[in-house]
Amino acid sequence: MKKATILYLALLLLSGLAIANTSITRFVAVPASDRVYVRWSASVESNLVRYEVYRRVENESTLSLVATVQPTGSGSSYEVADMNVARTSPMASTSPTPVGILSTRYTYILRIIGTSRIDEMQTSLVYQTSTTRRTWGSIKALFR
């Protein structure tokens, strides 16, 4: 009986500790021509240390840190531009690629780091790149 009472009291004490009390109301990744914008809004930010944005490329297990963002207070909106998506897509290889559209699925992870807790959210998108806009020959052909 005493062990159960001690455990119950310990749980009550732990539940009163300061944790990341953050409410994310929107988390999206929006593709652009040569980058991806990661956007989120927080209606509440309490006991928050920082945000970390990571990117994972389809069929890979490694995460790449895109940005670390300091919180600015409740009701804030944030935007991070991932400028390295073209470099991580299959198009970045040195082998010749066929003319057309290449697609890569990216997963973005928002890590919410509080004083004593870490939470995560994720969103995915398919990023499409035209191989023709990446060659000098295609640019010259536009002016012929």
N, C-alpha and C. Protein backbone atom coordinates (compact mmCIF):
# COMPACT_ATOMS: atom_id res chain seq x y z
N MET A 1 0.81 -1.20 0.00
CA MET A 1 0.00 0.00 0.00
C MET A 1 0.86 1.27 0.00
N LYS A 2 1.92 1.28 0.76
CA LYS A 2 2.75 2.46 0.84
C LYS A 2 3.40 2.78 -0.51
N LYS A 3 3.84 1.73 -1.23
CA LYS A 3 4.47 1.95 -2.53
C LYS A 3 3.50 2.58 -3.51
N ALA A 4 2.25 2.11 -3.49
CA ALA A 4 1.23 2.65 -4.38
C ALA A 4 0.95 4.11 -4.04
N THR A 5 0.91 4.45 -2.77
CA THR A 5 0.66 5.83 -2.35
C THR A 5 1.81 6.74 -2.75
N ILE A 6 3.04 6.26 -2.57
CA ILE A 6 4.22 7.04 -2.95
C ILE A 6 4.24 7.24 -4.46
N LEU A 7 3.92 6.21 -5.22
CA LEU A 7 3.89 6.32 -6.67
C LEU A 7 2.83 7.32 -7.11
N TYR A 8 1.66 7.28 -6.49
CA TYR A 8 0.58 8.21 -6.81
C TYR A 8 1.00 9.65 -6.52
N LEU A 9 1.65 9.88 -5.37
CA LEU A 9 2.11 11.22 -5.02
C LEU A 9 3.21 11.70 -5.98
N ALA A 10 4.09 10.79 -6.38
CA ALA A 10 5.13 11.14 -7.34
C ALA A 10 4.52 11.55 -8.67
N LEU A 11 3.50 10.84 -9.11
CA LEU A 11 2.83 11.20 -10.36
C LEU A 11 2.15 12.56 -10.25
N LEU A 12 1.55 12.84 -9.12
CA LEU A 12 0.93 14.15 -8.92
C LEU A 12 1.96 15.26 -8.97
N LEU A 13 3.13 15.04 -8.35
CA LEU A 13 4.19 16.04 -8.37
C LEU A 13 4.72 16.24 -9.78
N LEU A 14 4.93 15.15 -10.50
CA LEU A 14 5.44 15.26 -11.87
C LEU A 14 4.46 15.98 -12.78
N SER A 15 3.18 15.77 -12.58
CA SER A 15 2.20 16.41 -13.44
C SER A 15 2.18 17.92 -13.24
N GLY A 16 2.70 18.41 -12.10
CA GLY A 16 2.74 19.83 -11.85
C GLY A 16 4.00 20.51 -12.35
N LEU A 17 4.96 19.76 -12.89
CA LEU A 17 6.19 20.36 -13.39
C LEU A 17 5.93 21.16 -14.65
N ALA A 18 6.79 22.13 -14.91
CA ALA A 18 6.66 22.96 -16.11
C ALA A 18 7.05 22.14 -17.34
N ILE A 19 6.13 22.03 -18.25
CA ILE A 19 6.41 21.36 -19.52
C ILE A 19 6.06 22.32 -20.64
N ALA A 20 6.42 21.94 -21.86
CA ALA A 20 6.12 22.79 -23.01
C ALA A 20 4.61 22.84 -23.21
N ASN A 21 4.02 23.95 -22.85
CA ASN A 21 2.59 24.14 -23.03
C ASN A 21 2.43 24.98 -24.30
N THR A 22 2.49 24.31 -25.44
CA THR A 22 2.44 25.00 -26.71
C THR A 22 1.31 24.42 -27.54
N SER A 23 0.54 25.30 -28.13
CA SER A 23 -0.57 24.88 -28.97
C SER A 23 -0.31 25.36 -30.40
N ILE A 24 0.01 24.41 -31.28
CA ILE A 24 0.26 24.72 -32.69
C ILE A 24 -1.07 24.65 -33.41
N THR A 25 -1.45 25.73 -34.06
CA THR A 25 -2.74 25.77 -34.74
C THR A 25 -2.63 25.49 -36.23
N ARG A 26 -1.41 25.58 -36.79
CA ARG A 26 -1.22 25.32 -38.22
C ARG A 26 0.22 24.89 -38.43
N PHE A 27 0.42 23.86 -39.25
CA PHE A 27 1.77 23.41 -39.60
C PHE A 27 1.72 22.87 -41.02
N VAL A 28 2.34 23.59 -41.97
CA VAL A 28 2.29 23.21 -43.37
C VAL A 28 3.65 23.41 -44.02
N ALA A 29 3.86 22.68 -45.11
CA ALA A 29 5.02 22.86 -45.96
C ALA A 29 4.51 23.21 -47.35
N VAL A 30 4.99 24.34 -47.88
CA VAL A 30 4.49 24.85 -49.15
C VAL A 30 5.64 24.89 -50.15
N PRO A 31 5.53 24.15 -51.28
CA PRO A 31 6.61 24.17 -52.25
C PRO A 31 6.61 25.45 -53.08
N ALA A 32 7.79 25.89 -53.45
CA ALA A 32 7.98 27.01 -54.37
C ALA A 32 8.93 26.51 -55.47
N SER A 33 9.33 27.39 -56.36
CA SER A 33 10.12 26.94 -57.51
C SER A 33 11.45 26.31 -57.12
N ASP A 34 12.15 26.87 -56.15
CA ASP A 34 13.46 26.33 -55.78
C ASP A 34 13.64 26.16 -54.28
N ARG A 35 12.53 26.14 -53.55
CA ARG A 35 12.60 26.00 -52.09
C ARG A 35 11.26 25.50 -51.57
N VAL A 36 11.25 25.18 -50.29
CA VAL A 36 10.01 24.81 -49.60
C VAL A 36 9.90 25.71 -48.37
N TYR A 37 8.73 26.32 -48.21
CA TYR A 37 8.46 27.13 -47.04
C TYR A 37 7.75 26.28 -45.99
N VAL A 38 8.30 26.25 -44.80
CA VAL A 38 7.68 25.54 -43.68
C VAL A 38 7.10 26.61 -42.77
N ARG A 39 5.78 26.53 -42.55
CA ARG A 39 5.08 27.57 -41.78
C ARG A 39 4.28 26.94 -40.65
N TRP A 40 4.25 27.63 -39.53
CA TRP A 40 3.41 27.19 -38.43
C TRP A 40 3.01 28.40 -37.59
N SER A 41 1.93 28.22 -36.85
CA SER A 41 1.42 29.25 -35.94
C SER A 41 1.22 28.61 -34.57
N ALA A 42 1.50 29.39 -33.54
CA ALA A 42 1.32 28.91 -32.17
C ALA A 42 0.39 29.88 -31.45
N SER A 43 -0.72 29.36 -30.98
CA SER A 43 -1.64 30.22 -30.24
C SER A 43 -1.18 30.41 -28.80
N VAL A 44 -0.49 29.41 -28.26
CA VAL A 44 0.03 29.48 -26.89
C VAL A 44 1.48 29.01 -26.90
N GLU A 45 2.35 29.76 -26.23
CA GLU A 45 3.75 29.35 -26.04
C GLU A 45 4.11 29.60 -24.58
N SER A 46 4.27 28.52 -23.86
CA SER A 46 4.61 28.63 -22.45
C SER A 46 5.66 27.57 -22.12
N ASN A 47 6.69 27.95 -21.38
CA ASN A 47 7.79 27.05 -21.01
C ASN A 47 8.45 26.45 -22.24
N LEU A 48 8.59 27.24 -23.28
CA LEU A 48 9.15 26.78 -24.55
C LEU A 48 10.58 27.29 -24.68
N VAL A 49 11.48 26.41 -25.10
CA VAL A 49 12.88 26.77 -25.26
C VAL A 49 13.16 27.16 -26.71
N ARG A 50 12.76 26.30 -27.67
CA ARG A 50 13.00 26.58 -29.09
C ARG A 50 12.22 25.61 -29.96
N TYR A 51 12.18 25.92 -31.24
CA TYR A 51 11.65 25.02 -32.26
C TYR A 51 12.82 24.55 -33.11
N GLU A 52 12.75 23.33 -33.59
CA GLU A 52 13.72 22.81 -34.56
C GLU A 52 12.93 22.23 -35.73
N VAL A 53 13.36 22.57 -36.93
CA VAL A 53 12.71 22.07 -38.15
C VAL A 53 13.69 21.13 -38.83
N TYR A 54 13.22 19.91 -39.11
CA TYR A 54 14.03 18.89 -39.77
C TYR A 54 13.36 18.47 -41.06
N ARG A 55 14.18 17.96 -41.99
CA ARG A 55 13.68 17.43 -43.26
C ARG A 55 14.18 16.00 -43.41
N ARG A 56 13.28 15.12 -43.88
CA ARG A 56 13.64 13.75 -44.23
C ARG A 56 13.25 13.54 -45.68
N VAL A 57 14.17 12.98 -46.46
CA VAL A 57 13.91 12.66 -47.85
C VAL A 57 13.30 11.26 -47.92
N GLU A 58 12.36 11.09 -48.82
CA GLU A 58 11.69 9.80 -49.00
C GLU A 58 12.70 8.66 -49.08
N ASN A 59 12.38 7.56 -48.41
CA ASN A 59 13.19 6.33 -48.39
C ASN A 59 14.55 6.50 -47.73
N GLU A 60 14.73 7.54 -46.94
CA GLU A 60 15.96 7.71 -46.17
C GLU A 60 15.59 7.84 -44.70
N SER A 61 16.46 7.38 -43.84
CA SER A 61 16.16 7.42 -42.41
C SER A 61 16.78 8.63 -41.71
N THR A 62 17.73 9.29 -42.35
CA THR A 62 18.41 10.40 -41.69
C THR A 62 17.59 11.68 -41.76
N LEU A 63 17.72 12.47 -40.72
CA LEU A 63 17.08 13.78 -40.66
C LEU A 63 18.13 14.85 -40.89
N SER A 64 17.75 15.91 -41.59
CA SER A 64 18.63 17.06 -41.79
C SER A 64 18.02 18.25 -41.08
N LEU A 65 18.81 18.89 -40.24
CA LEU A 65 18.34 20.08 -39.55
C LEU A 65 18.23 21.22 -40.56
N VAL A 66 17.06 21.80 -40.68
CA VAL A 66 16.83 22.92 -41.59
C VAL A 66 17.04 24.24 -40.86
N ALA A 67 16.47 24.36 -39.65
CA ALA A 67 16.58 25.62 -38.91
C ALA A 67 16.24 25.41 -37.45
N THR A 68 16.77 26.30 -36.63
CA THR A 68 16.40 26.41 -35.22
C THR A 68 15.78 27.79 -35.05
N VAL A 69 14.62 27.83 -34.42
CA VAL A 69 13.88 29.08 -34.30
C VAL A 69 13.57 29.35 -32.83
N GLN A 70 13.84 30.56 -32.39
CA GLN A 70 13.52 30.96 -31.03
C GLN A 70 12.07 31.43 -30.96
N PRO A 71 11.33 31.05 -29.94
CA PRO A 71 9.93 31.48 -29.82
C PRO A 71 9.84 32.98 -29.57
N THR A 72 8.79 33.58 -30.12
CA THR A 72 8.60 35.03 -29.94
C THR A 72 7.37 35.36 -29.11
N GLY A 73 6.63 34.36 -28.67
CA GLY A 73 5.49 34.60 -27.80
C GLY A 73 4.20 34.06 -28.37
N SER A 74 3.22 33.91 -27.50
CA SER A 74 1.92 33.37 -27.90
C SER A 74 1.31 34.20 -29.02
N GLY A 75 0.64 33.52 -29.93
CA GLY A 75 0.00 34.18 -31.06
C GLY A 75 0.94 34.44 -32.23
N SER A 76 2.13 33.86 -32.20
CA SER A 76 3.13 34.12 -33.24
C SER A 76 2.99 33.15 -34.41
N SER A 77 3.42 33.62 -35.58
CA SER A 77 3.51 32.79 -36.78
C SER A 77 4.97 32.75 -37.21
N TYR A 78 5.37 31.61 -37.77
CA TYR A 78 6.76 31.40 -38.14
C TYR A 78 6.85 30.89 -39.57
N GLU A 79 7.98 31.20 -40.21
CA GLU A 79 8.23 30.69 -41.55
C GLU A 79 9.72 30.43 -41.70
N VAL A 80 10.05 29.26 -42.23
CA VAL A 80 11.43 28.87 -42.51
C VAL A 80 11.49 28.47 -43.97
N ALA A 81 12.48 28.99 -44.70
CA ALA A 81 12.66 28.62 -46.10
C ALA A 81 13.75 27.56 -46.20
N ASP A 82 13.40 26.40 -46.73
CA ASP A 82 14.37 25.33 -46.97
C ASP A 82 14.91 25.51 -48.38
N MET A 83 16.12 26.02 -48.46
CA MET A 83 16.75 26.33 -49.76
C MET A 83 17.50 25.14 -50.35
N ASN A 84 17.57 24.03 -49.64
CA ASN A 84 18.38 22.89 -50.08
C ASN A 84 17.57 21.77 -50.70
N VAL A 85 16.33 21.98 -51.05
CA VAL A 85 15.53 20.88 -51.58
C VAL A 85 16.03 20.44 -52.95
N ALA A 86 16.47 21.34 -53.79
CA ALA A 86 16.97 20.95 -55.11
C ALA A 86 18.24 20.13 -54.99
N ARG A 87 19.04 20.38 -53.96
CA ARG A 87 20.28 19.63 -53.76
C ARG A 87 20.05 18.23 -53.22
N THR A 88 18.92 18.03 -52.54
CA THR A 88 18.65 16.71 -51.97
C THR A 88 17.77 15.86 -52.86
N SER A 89 17.27 16.42 -53.94
CA SER A 89 16.40 15.65 -54.84
C SER A 89 17.26 14.79 -55.76
N PRO A 90 16.66 13.80 -56.43
CA PRO A 90 17.43 12.94 -57.32
C PRO A 90 18.12 13.73 -58.43
N MET A 91 17.64 14.91 -58.73
CA MET A 91 18.22 15.74 -59.78
C MET A 91 19.64 16.17 -59.46
N ALA A 92 19.99 16.17 -58.20
CA ALA A 92 21.30 16.66 -57.78
C ALA A 92 22.43 15.69 -58.12
N SER A 93 22.12 14.52 -58.62
CA SER A 93 23.17 13.56 -58.95
C SER A 93 23.95 14.03 -60.17
N THR A 94 25.15 13.47 -60.36
CA THR A 94 25.98 13.87 -61.48
C THR A 94 25.64 13.14 -62.76
N SER A 95 24.86 12.09 -62.68
CA SER A 95 24.48 11.36 -63.89
C SER A 95 23.43 12.14 -64.66
N PRO A 96 23.41 11.99 -66.01
CA PRO A 96 22.42 12.72 -66.79
C PRO A 96 21.01 12.27 -66.44
N THR A 97 20.10 13.23 -66.41
CA THR A 97 18.72 12.92 -66.09
C THR A 97 17.85 13.20 -67.30
N PRO A 98 16.78 12.45 -67.48
CA PRO A 98 15.91 12.68 -68.62
C PRO A 98 15.14 13.98 -68.47
N VAL A 99 14.73 14.54 -69.59
CA VAL A 99 13.94 15.76 -69.58
C VAL A 99 12.56 15.41 -69.05
N GLY A 100 12.04 16.24 -68.17
CA GLY A 100 10.72 16.01 -67.62
C GLY A 100 10.61 16.53 -66.21
N ILE A 101 9.73 15.92 -65.46
CA ILE A 101 9.48 16.34 -64.09
C ILE A 101 9.97 15.25 -63.15
N LEU A 102 10.74 15.67 -62.14
CA LEU A 102 11.18 14.76 -61.09
C LEU A 102 10.42 15.10 -59.82
N SER A 103 10.00 14.07 -59.09
CA SER A 103 9.26 14.27 -57.85
C SER A 103 9.99 13.62 -56.69
N THR A 104 10.01 14.29 -55.56
CA THR A 104 10.60 13.77 -54.35
C THR A 104 9.65 14.07 -53.21
N ARG A 105 9.40 13.08 -52.35
CA ARG A 105 8.55 13.30 -51.18
C ARG A 105 9.45 13.69 -50.01
N TYR A 106 9.12 14.82 -49.40
CA TYR A 106 9.81 15.30 -48.22
C TYR A 106 8.86 15.27 -47.03
N THR A 107 9.40 14.92 -45.88
CA THR A 107 8.66 15.01 -44.64
C THR A 107 9.37 16.04 -43.77
N TYR A 108 8.60 17.01 -43.30
CA TYR A 108 9.15 18.03 -42.40
C TYR A 108 8.66 17.76 -40.99
N ILE A 109 9.58 17.83 -40.06
CA ILE A 109 9.29 17.55 -38.66
C ILE A 109 9.56 18.82 -37.86
N LEU A 110 8.55 19.23 -37.11
CA LEU A 110 8.68 20.36 -36.21
C LEU A 110 8.86 19.81 -34.81
N ARG A 111 10.03 20.03 -34.25
CA ARG A 111 10.33 19.57 -32.90
C ARG A 111 10.12 20.75 -31.96
N ILE A 112 9.24 20.57 -31.00
CA ILE A 112 8.90 21.62 -30.04
C ILE A 112 9.61 21.28 -28.74
N ILE A 113 10.62 22.06 -28.40
CA ILE A 113 11.47 21.74 -27.26
C ILE A 113 11.11 22.64 -26.09
N GLY A 114 10.57 22.02 -25.05
CA GLY A 114 10.19 22.75 -23.85
C GLY A 114 11.24 22.57 -22.77
N THR A 115 10.95 23.10 -21.62
CA THR A 115 11.91 23.03 -20.52
C THR A 115 12.12 21.61 -20.01
N SER A 116 11.11 20.75 -20.15
CA SER A 116 11.28 19.37 -19.67
C SER A 116 10.60 18.35 -20.57
N ARG A 117 10.24 18.75 -21.78
CA ARG A 117 9.52 17.83 -22.67
C ARG A 117 9.77 18.22 -24.12
N ILE A 118 9.79 17.22 -25.00
CA ILE A 118 9.95 17.45 -26.43
C ILE A 118 8.78 16.81 -27.14
N ASP A 119 8.10 17.59 -27.98
CA ASP A 119 7.00 17.09 -28.80
C ASP A 119 7.37 17.26 -30.26
N GLU A 120 6.71 16.49 -31.12
CA GLU A 120 6.97 16.59 -32.56
C GLU A 120 5.66 16.60 -33.33
N MET A 121 5.71 17.29 -34.46
CA MET A 121 4.64 17.26 -35.45
C MET A 121 5.31 17.03 -36.79
N GLN A 122 4.58 16.47 -37.74
CA GLN A 122 5.17 16.31 -39.06
C GLN A 122 4.15 16.54 -40.15
N THR A 123 4.66 16.93 -41.30
CA THR A 123 3.84 17.12 -42.49
C THR A 123 4.68 16.69 -43.69
N SER A 124 4.03 16.24 -44.75
CA SER A 124 4.74 15.77 -45.94
C SER A 124 4.24 16.50 -47.18
N LEU A 125 5.09 16.53 -48.19
CA LEU A 125 4.70 17.07 -49.48
C LEU A 125 5.52 16.42 -50.57
N VAL A 126 5.03 16.51 -51.78
CA VAL A 126 5.77 16.05 -52.94
C VAL A 126 6.30 17.29 -53.64
N TYR A 127 7.62 17.36 -53.77
CA TYR A 127 8.29 18.49 -54.41
C TYR A 127 8.64 18.09 -55.83
N GLN A 128 8.15 18.85 -56.80
CA GLN A 128 8.41 18.53 -58.21
C GLN A 128 9.35 19.56 -58.81
N THR A 129 10.30 19.06 -59.57
CA THR A 129 11.29 19.91 -60.22
C THR A 129 11.36 19.53 -61.69
N SER A 130 11.40 20.53 -62.53
CA SER A 130 11.58 20.30 -63.95
C SER A 130 13.08 20.18 -64.23
N THR A 131 13.47 19.12 -64.91
CA THR A 131 14.89 18.95 -65.24
C THR A 131 15.30 19.90 -66.35
N THR A 132 14.38 20.36 -67.17
CA THR A 132 14.75 21.23 -68.30
C THR A 132 15.19 22.60 -67.83
N ARG A 133 14.69 23.10 -66.73
CA ARG A 133 15.08 24.43 -66.29
C ARG A 133 16.45 24.44 -65.64
N ARG A 134 17.06 23.29 -65.47
CA ARG A 134 18.35 23.20 -64.81
C ARG A 134 19.53 23.09 -65.79
N THR A 135 19.28 23.12 -67.09
CA THR A 135 20.38 22.97 -68.05
C THR A 135 20.56 24.24 -68.86
N TRP A 136 21.81 24.54 -69.22
CA TRP A 136 22.10 25.71 -70.05
C TRP A 136 21.50 25.54 -71.44
N GLY A 137 21.49 24.33 -71.93
CA GLY A 137 20.92 24.08 -73.25
C GLY A 137 19.45 24.47 -73.33
N SER A 138 18.70 24.18 -72.29
CA SER A 138 17.28 24.54 -72.29
C SER A 138 17.08 26.05 -72.20
N ILE A 139 17.97 26.73 -71.47
CA ILE A 139 17.87 28.20 -71.37
C ILE A 139 18.20 28.83 -72.71
N LYS A 140 19.25 28.34 -73.40
CA LYS A 140 19.59 28.85 -74.72
C LYS A 140 18.47 28.61 -75.72
N ALA A 141 17.80 27.46 -75.60
CA ALA A 141 16.73 27.13 -76.53
C ALA A 141 15.55 28.09 -76.41
N LEU A 142 15.37 28.67 -75.25
CA LEU A 142 14.29 29.64 -75.08
C LEU A 142 14.49 30.89 -75.92
N PHE A 143 15.73 31.23 -76.22
CA PHE A 143 16.02 32.46 -76.96
C PHE A 143 16.29 32.24 -78.43
N ARG A 144 16.09 31.04 -78.95
CA ARG A 144 16.30 30.76 -80.39
C ARG A 144 15.08 31.09 -81.18
